[in-house]
Protein backbone atom coordinates (compact mmCIF):
# COMPACT_ATOMS: atom_id res chain seq x y z
CA UNK A 1 39.29 10.62 39.83
CA UNK A 2 37.18 8.65 42.30
CA UNK A 3 33.78 10.30 42.10
CA UNK A 4 30.69 8.38 43.18
CA UNK A 5 28.57 7.21 40.25
CA UNK A 6 31.40 7.42 37.69
CA UNK A 7 33.31 4.49 36.23
CA UNK A 8 36.66 4.49 34.48
CA UNK A 9 36.89 3.03 30.97
CA UNK A 10 38.31 -0.19 32.41
CA UNK A 11 35.59 -0.53 35.07
CA UNK A 12 32.88 0.31 32.56
CA UNK A 13 34.12 -2.23 30.02
CA UNK A 14 34.39 -4.92 32.71
CA UNK A 15 30.79 -4.31 33.81
CA UNK A 16 29.59 -4.97 30.24
CA UNK A 17 32.03 -7.83 29.58
CA UNK A 18 33.55 -6.02 26.60
CA UNK A 19 37.02 -4.60 25.93
CA UNK A 20 38.11 -1.01 26.49
CA UNK A 21 38.90 -0.96 22.78
CA UNK A 22 35.20 -1.68 22.06
CA UNK A 23 34.14 1.21 24.29
CA UNK A 24 36.53 3.56 22.49
CA UNK A 25 35.31 2.33 19.10
CA UNK A 26 31.66 3.07 19.99
CA UNK A 27 32.77 6.57 21.03
CA UNK A 28 34.52 7.08 17.68
CA UNK A 29 31.35 5.96 15.86
CA UNK A 30 29.30 8.56 17.75
CA UNK A 31 27.29 5.94 19.62
CA UNK A 32 28.55 6.25 23.19
CA UNK A 33 30.36 9.35 24.42
CA UNK A 34 31.76 9.42 27.99
CA UNK A 35 29.89 11.58 30.48
CA UNK A 36 33.12 13.15 31.74
CA UNK A 37 36.66 13.58 30.36
CA UNK A 38 39.47 14.85 32.58
CA UNK A 39 42.08 17.35 31.39
CA UNK A 40 44.50 14.48 31.03
CA UNK A 41 42.06 12.66 28.72
CA UNK A 42 40.79 10.01 31.15
CA UNK A 43 37.24 8.97 30.31
CA UNK A 44 34.46 8.27 32.82
CA UNK A 45 31.00 6.80 32.39
CA UNK A 46 27.75 6.66 34.38
CA UNK A 47 24.86 4.24 34.89
CA UNK A 48 22.95 6.06 32.17
CA UNK A 49 25.82 5.42 29.77
CA UNK A 50 25.57 1.78 30.76
CA UNK A 51 21.89 1.74 29.74
CA UNK A 52 22.88 3.09 26.32
CA UNK A 53 25.67 0.51 26.05
CA UNK A 54 23.22 -2.28 26.87
CA UNK A 55 20.95 -1.10 24.06
CA UNK A 56 23.86 -0.98 21.59
CA UNK A 57 25.03 -4.48 22.50
CA UNK A 58 21.53 -5.94 22.29
CA UNK A 59 20.78 -4.39 18.91
CA UNK A 60 24.17 -5.50 17.60
CA UNK A 61 23.46 -9.03 18.83
CA UNK A 62 20.12 -8.97 17.03
CA UNK A 63 21.76 -8.14 13.71
CA UNK A 64 21.67 -4.34 13.48
CA UNK A 65 24.72 -2.62 11.99
CA UNK A 66 26.36 0.19 13.97
CA UNK A 67 25.18 2.69 11.36
CA UNK A 68 21.62 1.48 11.81
CA UNK A 69 21.92 1.64 15.61
CA UNK A 70 23.09 5.24 15.29
CA UNK A 71 19.77 6.08 13.60
CA UNK A 72 17.84 4.91 16.69
CA UNK A 73 17.55 7.87 19.10
CA UNK A 74 19.27 7.49 22.47
CA UNK A 75 18.17 9.78 25.24
CA UNK A 76 20.49 11.05 27.93
CA UNK A 77 20.15 10.66 31.68
CA UNK A 78 16.38 10.42 32.09
CA UNK A 79 14.00 7.72 33.26
CA UNK A 80 11.86 8.13 30.17
CA UNK A 81 14.75 7.01 27.96
CA UNK A 82 15.65 4.06 30.20
CA UNK A 83 12.03 2.88 30.27
CA UNK A 84 11.75 3.07 26.48
CA UNK A 85 15.07 1.27 26.03
CA UNK A 86 13.98 -1.57 28.30
CA UNK A 87 10.59 -1.85 26.59
CA UNK A 88 12.32 -2.06 23.22
CA UNK A 89 14.70 -4.71 24.52
CA UNK A 90 11.77 -6.73 25.87
CA UNK A 91 9.94 -6.47 22.54
CA UNK A 92 12.95 -7.60 20.53
CA UNK A 93 13.76 -10.42 22.92
CA UNK A 94 10.15 -11.62 22.84
CA UNK A 95 10.30 -11.67 19.06
CA UNK A 96 13.60 -13.55 19.18
CA UNK A 97 12.14 -16.16 21.56
CA UNK A 98 9.15 -16.72 19.27
CA UNK A 99 11.43 -17.13 16.27
CA UNK A 100 13.72 -19.56 18.09
CA UNK A 101 10.73 -21.67 19.14
CA UNK A 102 9.85 -21.99 15.47
CA UNK A 103 13.45 -22.91 14.71
CA UNK A 104 13.39 -25.58 17.43
CA UNK A 105 10.23 -27.09 15.95
CA UNK A 106 11.86 -27.06 12.52
CA UNK A 107 15.01 -28.75 13.83
CA UNK A 108 12.97 -31.44 15.60
CA UNK A 109 10.91 -32.08 12.47
CA UNK A 110 14.07 -32.34 10.35
CA UNK A 111 15.69 -34.75 12.83
CA UNK A 112 12.61 -36.99 12.75
CA UNK A 113 12.53 -36.87 8.95
CA UNK A 114 16.18 -37.89 8.71
CA UNK A 115 15.78 -40.63 11.33
CA UNK A 116 12.71 -42.12 9.65
CA UNK A 117 14.05 -42.09 6.07
CA UNK A 118 17.42 -42.64 4.50
CA UNK A 119 17.19 -39.41 2.48
CA UNK A 120 16.86 -36.03 4.24
CA UNK A 121 13.95 -33.75 3.29
CA UNK A 122 15.97 -31.00 1.62
CA UNK A 123 12.94 -28.72 1.19
CA UNK A 124 12.19 -28.90 4.89
CA UNK A 125 15.82 -28.09 5.70
CA UNK A 126 15.69 -25.11 3.33
CA UNK A 127 12.57 -23.88 5.14
CA UNK A 128 14.53 -24.18 8.38
CA UNK A 129 17.29 -21.97 6.97
CA UNK A 130 14.67 -19.38 6.00
CA UNK A 131 13.25 -19.47 9.51
CA UNK A 132 16.61 -18.56 11.00
CA UNK A 133 16.92 -15.45 8.80
CA UNK A 134 15.40 -13.10 11.35
CA UNK A 135 17.28 -9.87 10.78
CA UNK A 136 14.83 -8.09 8.45
CA UNK A 137 11.80 -9.15 10.49
CA UNK A 138 13.34 -7.83 13.71
CA UNK A 139 14.23 -4.50 12.15
CA UNK A 140 10.70 -4.13 10.81
CA UNK A 141 9.33 -5.06 14.23
CA UNK A 142 11.17 -2.21 15.92
CA UNK A 143 11.24 0.44 13.26
CA UNK A 144 7.55 0.12 12.31
CA UNK A 145 5.65 -1.10 15.35
CA UNK A 146 7.39 1.07 17.94
CA UNK A 147 6.97 4.15 15.74
CA UNK A 148 3.23 3.52 15.50
CA UNK A 149 3.02 3.03 19.28
CA UNK A 150 4.78 6.36 19.88
CA UNK A 151 2.27 8.19 17.70
CA UNK A 152 -0.74 6.47 19.25
CA UNK A 153 0.52 7.17 22.79
CA UNK A 154 0.64 10.92 22.19
CA UNK A 155 -2.97 10.93 20.98
CA UNK A 156 -4.31 8.59 23.66
CA UNK A 157 -2.73 10.34 26.63
CA UNK A 158 -3.11 14.00 25.74
CA UNK A 159 -6.17 14.39 23.49
CA UNK A 160 -9.01 16.43 24.98
CA UNK A 161 -11.94 14.59 23.39
CA UNK A 162 -13.18 12.15 26.04
CA UNK A 163 -14.41 9.77 23.36
CA UNK A 164 -11.26 8.16 22.06
CA UNK A 165 -10.51 8.13 18.35
CA UNK A 166 -10.78 4.36 17.91
CA UNK A 167 -14.04 4.23 19.83
CA UNK A 168 -15.45 6.93 17.54
CA UNK A 169 -14.23 5.10 14.41
CA UNK A 170 -15.77 1.82 15.57
CA UNK A 171 -19.05 3.63 16.24
CA UNK A 172 -19.08 5.02 12.69
CA UNK A 173 -18.36 1.55 11.24
CA UNK A 174 -21.89 0.48 12.26
CA UNK A 175 -20.99 -3.22 12.62
CA UNK A 176 -23.77 -5.81 12.69
CA UNK A 177 -24.03 -9.59 12.98
CA UNK A 178 -22.98 -11.75 10.06
CA UNK A 179 -20.47 -9.25 8.67
CA UNK A 180 -17.23 -10.19 6.97
CA UNK A 181 -14.83 -7.32 7.74
CA UNK A 182 -11.41 -6.43 6.35
CA UNK A 183 -9.16 -3.86 8.02
CA UNK A 184 -6.36 -2.50 5.83
CA UNK A 185 -3.28 -1.08 7.57
CA UNK A 186 -4.34 -2.35 10.99
CA UNK A 187 -1.17 -1.17 12.75
CA UNK A 188 -0.94 -2.63 16.24
CA UNK A 189 -4.61 -3.65 16.28
CA UNK A 190 -5.70 -0.71 18.43
CA UNK A 191 -9.11 -0.37 16.74
CA UNK A 192 -10.09 -3.73 18.16
CA UNK A 193 -7.88 -4.04 21.26
CA UNK A 194 -9.08 -0.69 22.65
CA UNK A 195 -12.73 -1.56 21.97
CA UNK A 196 -12.85 -5.14 23.26
CA UNK A 197 -14.90 -4.14 26.30
CA UNK A 198 -17.42 -2.33 24.08
CA UNK A 199 -17.58 -5.20 21.59
CA UNK A 200 -18.20 -7.71 24.39
CA UNK A 201 -21.38 -5.84 25.40
CA UNK A 202 -22.93 -6.17 21.95
CA UNK A 203 -24.78 -9.33 21.00
CA UNK A 204 -22.95 -10.01 17.77
CA UNK A 205 -23.00 -13.35 16.03
CA UNK A 206 -20.86 -14.81 13.25
CA UNK A 207 -18.50 -11.90 12.57
CA UNK A 208 -15.26 -12.53 10.69
CA UNK A 209 -12.54 -9.87 11.01
CA UNK A 210 -9.38 -9.99 8.89
CA UNK A 211 -6.60 -7.64 9.95
CA UNK A 212 -3.96 -6.82 7.36
CA UNK A 213 -0.80 -4.78 7.02
CA UNK A 214 2.22 -4.79 4.76
CA UNK A 215 4.55 -5.68 7.67
CA UNK A 216 4.63 -9.09 9.34
CA UNK A 217 6.26 -7.43 12.35
CA UNK A 218 3.31 -5.08 12.81
CA UNK A 219 0.83 -7.96 12.47
CA UNK A 220 2.75 -9.79 15.21
CA UNK A 221 2.06 -6.85 17.54
CA UNK A 222 -1.58 -6.66 16.46
CA UNK A 223 -2.15 -10.33 17.20
CA UNK A 224 -0.50 -10.06 20.62
CA UNK A 225 -2.46 -6.93 21.57
CA UNK A 226 -5.80 -8.39 20.54
CA UNK A 227 -5.17 -11.78 22.14
CA UNK A 228 -4.18 -10.05 25.37
CA UNK A 229 -7.28 -7.82 25.31
CA UNK A 230 -9.71 -10.67 24.55
CA UNK A 231 -8.57 -13.00 27.35
CA UNK A 232 -11.07 -11.58 29.84
CA UNK A 233 -13.95 -11.70 27.34
CA UNK A 234 -13.51 -15.08 25.63
CA UNK A 235 -17.11 -16.14 26.33
CA UNK A 236 -18.70 -12.88 25.19
CA UNK A 237 -16.57 -12.73 22.03
CA UNK A 238 -16.88 -16.35 20.93
CA UNK A 239 -18.73 -15.29 17.75
CA UNK A 240 -15.96 -12.85 16.72
CA UNK A 241 -13.12 -14.45 14.74
CA UNK A 242 -9.85 -12.61 14.08
CA UNK A 243 -7.38 -13.59 11.37
CA UNK A 244 -4.22 -11.88 10.09
CA UNK A 245 -2.66 -11.51 6.65
CA UNK A 246 0.24 -9.43 5.29
CA UNK A 247 -0.10 -7.91 1.80
CA UNK A 248 0.07 -4.74 -0.28
CA UNK A 249 -3.39 -3.19 -0.55
CA UNK A 250 -2.83 -2.40 -4.22
CA UNK A 251 -3.20 -6.17 -4.75
CA UNK A 252 -5.69 -7.47 -2.18
CA UNK A 253 -5.52 -11.30 -2.20
CA UNK A 254 -9.25 -11.99 -1.78
CA UNK A 255 -12.01 -12.86 -4.20
CA UNK A 256 -14.50 -10.37 -5.61
CA UNK A 257 -17.45 -9.41 -3.37
CA UNK A 258 -15.90 -10.98 -0.23
CA UNK A 259 -16.51 -8.29 2.41
CA UNK A 260 -19.41 -6.29 3.83
CA UNK A 261 -17.11 -3.64 5.33
CA UNK A 262 -13.56 -2.49 4.61
CA UNK A 263 -11.80 -0.24 7.13
CA UNK A 264 -8.73 1.75 6.06
CA UNK A 265 -7.40 3.88 8.89
CA UNK A 266 -4.82 6.50 7.84
CA UNK A 267 -3.39 4.23 5.15
CA UNK A 268 -4.63 5.23 1.68
CA UNK A 269 -2.16 8.11 1.48
CA UNK A 270 0.70 5.59 1.63
CA UNK A 271 -0.42 3.93 -1.62
CA UNK A 272 1.64 4.45 -4.74
CA UNK A 273 -1.62 4.50 -6.70
CA UNK A 274 -4.60 5.57 -4.56
CA UNK A 275 -7.06 5.13 -7.42
CA UNK A 276 -5.91 1.54 -7.96
CA UNK A 277 -6.22 0.86 -4.23
CA UNK A 278 -9.80 2.20 -4.28
CA UNK A 279 -10.64 -0.07 -7.22
CA UNK A 280 -9.20 -3.05 -5.35
CA UNK A 281 -11.28 -2.19 -2.29
CA UNK A 282 -14.40 -1.84 -4.43
CA UNK A 283 -13.66 -5.19 -6.06
CA UNK A 284 -13.52 -7.11 -2.76
CA UNK A 285 -16.55 -5.27 -1.32
CA UNK A 286 -20.02 -6.68 -1.85
CA UNK A 287 -22.52 -4.52 -3.80
CA UNK A 288 -23.72 -1.87 -1.36
CA UNK A 289 -20.83 -2.64 0.99
CA UNK A 290 -19.11 0.20 2.83
CA UNK A 291 -15.58 1.58 2.97
CA UNK A 292 -14.71 3.53 6.14
CA UNK A 293 -11.40 5.31 5.62
CA UNK A 294 -9.78 7.97 7.80
CA UNK A 295 -7.28 10.71 7.04
CA UNK A 296 -6.39 14.27 8.08
CA UNK A 297 -6.05 17.78 6.68
CA UNK A 298 -3.15 20.18 6.09
CA UNK A 299 -3.80 21.72 9.53
CA UNK A 300 -3.41 18.45 11.44
CA UNK A 301 -0.54 18.57 14.00
CA UNK A 302 0.81 21.71 12.34
CA UNK A 303 2.27 23.03 15.60
CA UNK A 304 4.71 20.10 15.78
CA UNK A 305 5.96 20.82 12.26
CA UNK A 306 6.40 24.48 13.19
CA UNK A 307 8.14 23.51 16.45
CA UNK A 308 10.91 21.48 14.80
CA UNK A 309 11.28 24.01 11.99
CA UNK A 310 11.93 26.71 14.59
CA UNK A 311 14.69 24.55 16.08
CA UNK A 312 16.23 23.70 12.70
CA UNK A 313 14.56 24.82 9.46
CA UNK A 314 16.13 21.92 7.54
CA UNK A 315 13.94 19.39 9.33
CA UNK A 316 10.99 17.85 7.51
CA UNK A 317 8.93 15.35 9.51
CA UNK A 318 7.59 13.77 6.35
CA UNK A 319 9.24 13.25 2.97
CA UNK A 320 5.95 14.30 1.39
CA UNK A 321 2.67 15.90 2.45
CA UNK A 322 0.45 12.85 2.81
CA UNK A 323 -2.72 14.90 3.00
CA UNK A 324 -2.04 16.02 -0.58
CA UNK A 325 -2.16 12.38 -1.69
CA UNK A 326 -5.36 11.56 0.19
CA UNK A 327 -6.64 14.07 2.75
CA UNK A 328 -9.80 15.66 4.04
CA UNK A 329 -9.56 18.31 1.33
CA UNK A 330 -9.40 15.97 -1.70
CA UNK A 331 -10.50 12.54 -0.42
CA UNK A 332 -14.14 12.85 -1.40
CA UNK A 333 -13.31 13.61 -5.05
CA UNK A 334 -10.92 10.64 -5.21
CA UNK A 335 -13.48 8.25 -3.73
CA UNK A 336 -16.34 9.46 -5.96
CA UNK A 337 -14.42 8.17 -8.99
CA UNK A 338 -15.08 4.64 -7.70
CA UNK A 339 -17.89 4.71 -5.13
CA UNK A 340 -21.50 5.89 -5.42
CA UNK A 341 -22.01 7.77 -2.15
CA UNK A 342 -19.33 9.51 -0.11
CA UNK A 343 -19.88 11.22 3.26
CA UNK A 344 -17.28 13.09 5.35
CA UNK A 345 -17.43 13.03 9.16
CA UNK A 346 -14.93 15.02 11.25
CA UNK A 347 -13.60 14.23 14.70
CA UNK A 348 -13.34 17.26 16.98
CA UNK A 349 -10.24 17.17 19.16
CA UNK A 350 -6.92 18.76 20.12
CA UNK A 351 -3.81 17.79 22.11
CA UNK A 352 -2.69 19.70 25.21
CA UNK A 353 0.65 18.53 26.56
CA UNK A 354 3.16 19.57 29.24
CA UNK A 355 5.38 16.46 29.09
CA UNK A 356 8.33 16.56 26.70
CA UNK A 357 9.01 12.79 26.54
CA UNK A 358 6.03 11.58 24.47
CA UNK A 359 6.33 14.61 22.17
CA UNK A 360 10.01 13.82 21.50
CA UNK A 361 9.12 10.17 20.84
CA UNK A 362 6.47 11.29 18.38
CA UNK A 363 8.91 13.53 16.53
CA UNK A 364 11.53 10.77 16.23
CA UNK A 365 8.85 8.32 15.03
CA UNK A 366 8.05 10.40 11.95
CA UNK A 367 9.12 9.40 8.45
CA UNK A 368 11.21 12.48 7.68
CA UNK A 369 14.84 13.57 8.03
CA UNK A 370 14.70 14.57 11.71
CA UNK A 371 17.14 11.88 12.91
CA UNK A 372 19.85 13.25 10.64
CA UNK A 373 19.73 16.67 12.27
CA UNK A 374 18.68 15.84 15.84
CA UNK A 375 20.63 12.78 16.99
CA UNK A 376 23.88 14.67 17.52
CA UNK A 377 22.01 17.52 19.24
CA UNK A 378 19.70 15.41 21.38
CA UNK A 379 20.38 17.12 24.72
CA UNK A 380 19.95 20.58 23.18
CA UNK A 381 16.76 19.51 21.40
CA UNK A 382 15.35 17.92 24.56
CA UNK A 383 15.92 21.13 26.55
CA UNK A 384 14.30 23.13 23.76
CA UNK A 385 11.18 20.93 23.81
CA UNK A 386 11.01 20.98 27.63
CA UNK A 387 10.90 24.78 27.59
CA UNK A 388 8.26 24.85 24.88
CA UNK A 389 5.89 22.49 26.75
CA UNK A 390 6.64 23.71 30.30
CA UNK A 391 3.28 25.46 30.24
CA UNK A 392 0.47 24.14 28.04
CA UNK A 393 1.41 23.34 24.47
CA UNK A 394 -1.64 23.10 22.18
CA UNK A 395 -1.61 20.94 19.06
CA UNK A 396 -4.34 21.11 16.41
CA UNK A 397 -6.02 17.87 15.40
CA UNK A 398 -7.99 17.97 12.17
CA UNK A 399 -8.87 14.39 11.27
CA UNK A 400 -11.96 12.56 10.16
CA UNK A 401 -13.24 9.76 8.00
CA UNK A 402 -15.09 9.15 4.78
CA UNK A 403 -17.91 6.62 4.50
CA UNK A 404 -18.16 5.42 0.89
CA UNK A 405 -20.84 3.06 -0.47
CA UNK A 406 -19.91 0.50 -3.10
CA UNK A 407 -22.12 0.54 -6.24
CA UNK A 408 -25.12 -1.78 -5.83
CA UNK A 409 -25.39 -2.51 -9.54
CA UNK A 410 -22.80 -4.21 -11.70
CA UNK A 411 -21.92 -1.04 -13.58
CA UNK A 412 -19.05 0.49 -11.55
CA UNK A 413 -18.21 4.14 -12.35
CA UNK A 414 -14.53 3.54 -13.18
CA UNK A 415 -15.48 0.85 -15.76
CA UNK A 416 -17.68 3.13 -17.84
């Protein structure tokens, strides 16, 4: 066979500087199937297969096992997939470069220590070893940060409310000069990065903002996004200070009465003990300080759940119903056990989409079992979604936030 755009196994392997045996092994593992097989069994590959192979080789180089790589969805023969693959490669390589710079600094410091003293600094060398252990951080960087970005992209591009979600949330936060602010579960820093232009117009002074999340990889993205957004407004934002700290919000590492405002966007329902998390938030809030926390209801994005169920009724996009843990229906009662005043404000919006790519990304970004049932049927699932959204596909959004006031007196409800 000598068809334009197709490569034999030997040509394909040579292009990637790997052996034919490696190509066959990836096929056996379900990672890279040939685009065409002749009756005699000869295998042929395309440029799109080469994009998938590049992704496999990069992830393998960065420490992912083949089983883990299989869990990362690979699209077939579309520009949307190639673009996402390249963006992911760029993100992982950027993270690798940052880590290796730290390693280089550690090596140089260790060399100087050894040269200046007869005895090496064993603690410093141990720290260097820890710095080179990048595998878990890189996996967290991709699996967490890119999933969040996929979900945010769907909302940002296809929501009908002209006032964006993060702009509305910032408006409801009612920030003023002199505040010490803590954001819990900051994600990629979108609340601040998307509102930098708005913040630069306000005459704030002496505002301290601490962004937190449980993942160091996510905080890395948040810092980069905010630093990139603030470059054009450095003069206007000189009185806003951003800092970053990773921790579990069931054990907030700050002193009592430290903050005027705590923001918790779509995060309380991830807590093992929501009541404990609320007590921790109350503890670090000043008397009369405010908690602004967002969540959604049982109706939120219900059409997507119904869509995947129609394709395969075994699919669950979430291992549990987060709104049952802390949602619009029960959030006020949970908060009133700790805070004095609780007010619910709802955000009116919906999603109208005709593009299958972002919707597929959103589905694969969820925390359920969808990868198990969809990865081996990707082409079929993609065609199914394309048909469903070929006209207008409407998705319900039912989200909002609670504003809770910390008790002004020393007697806190949960202590009585």
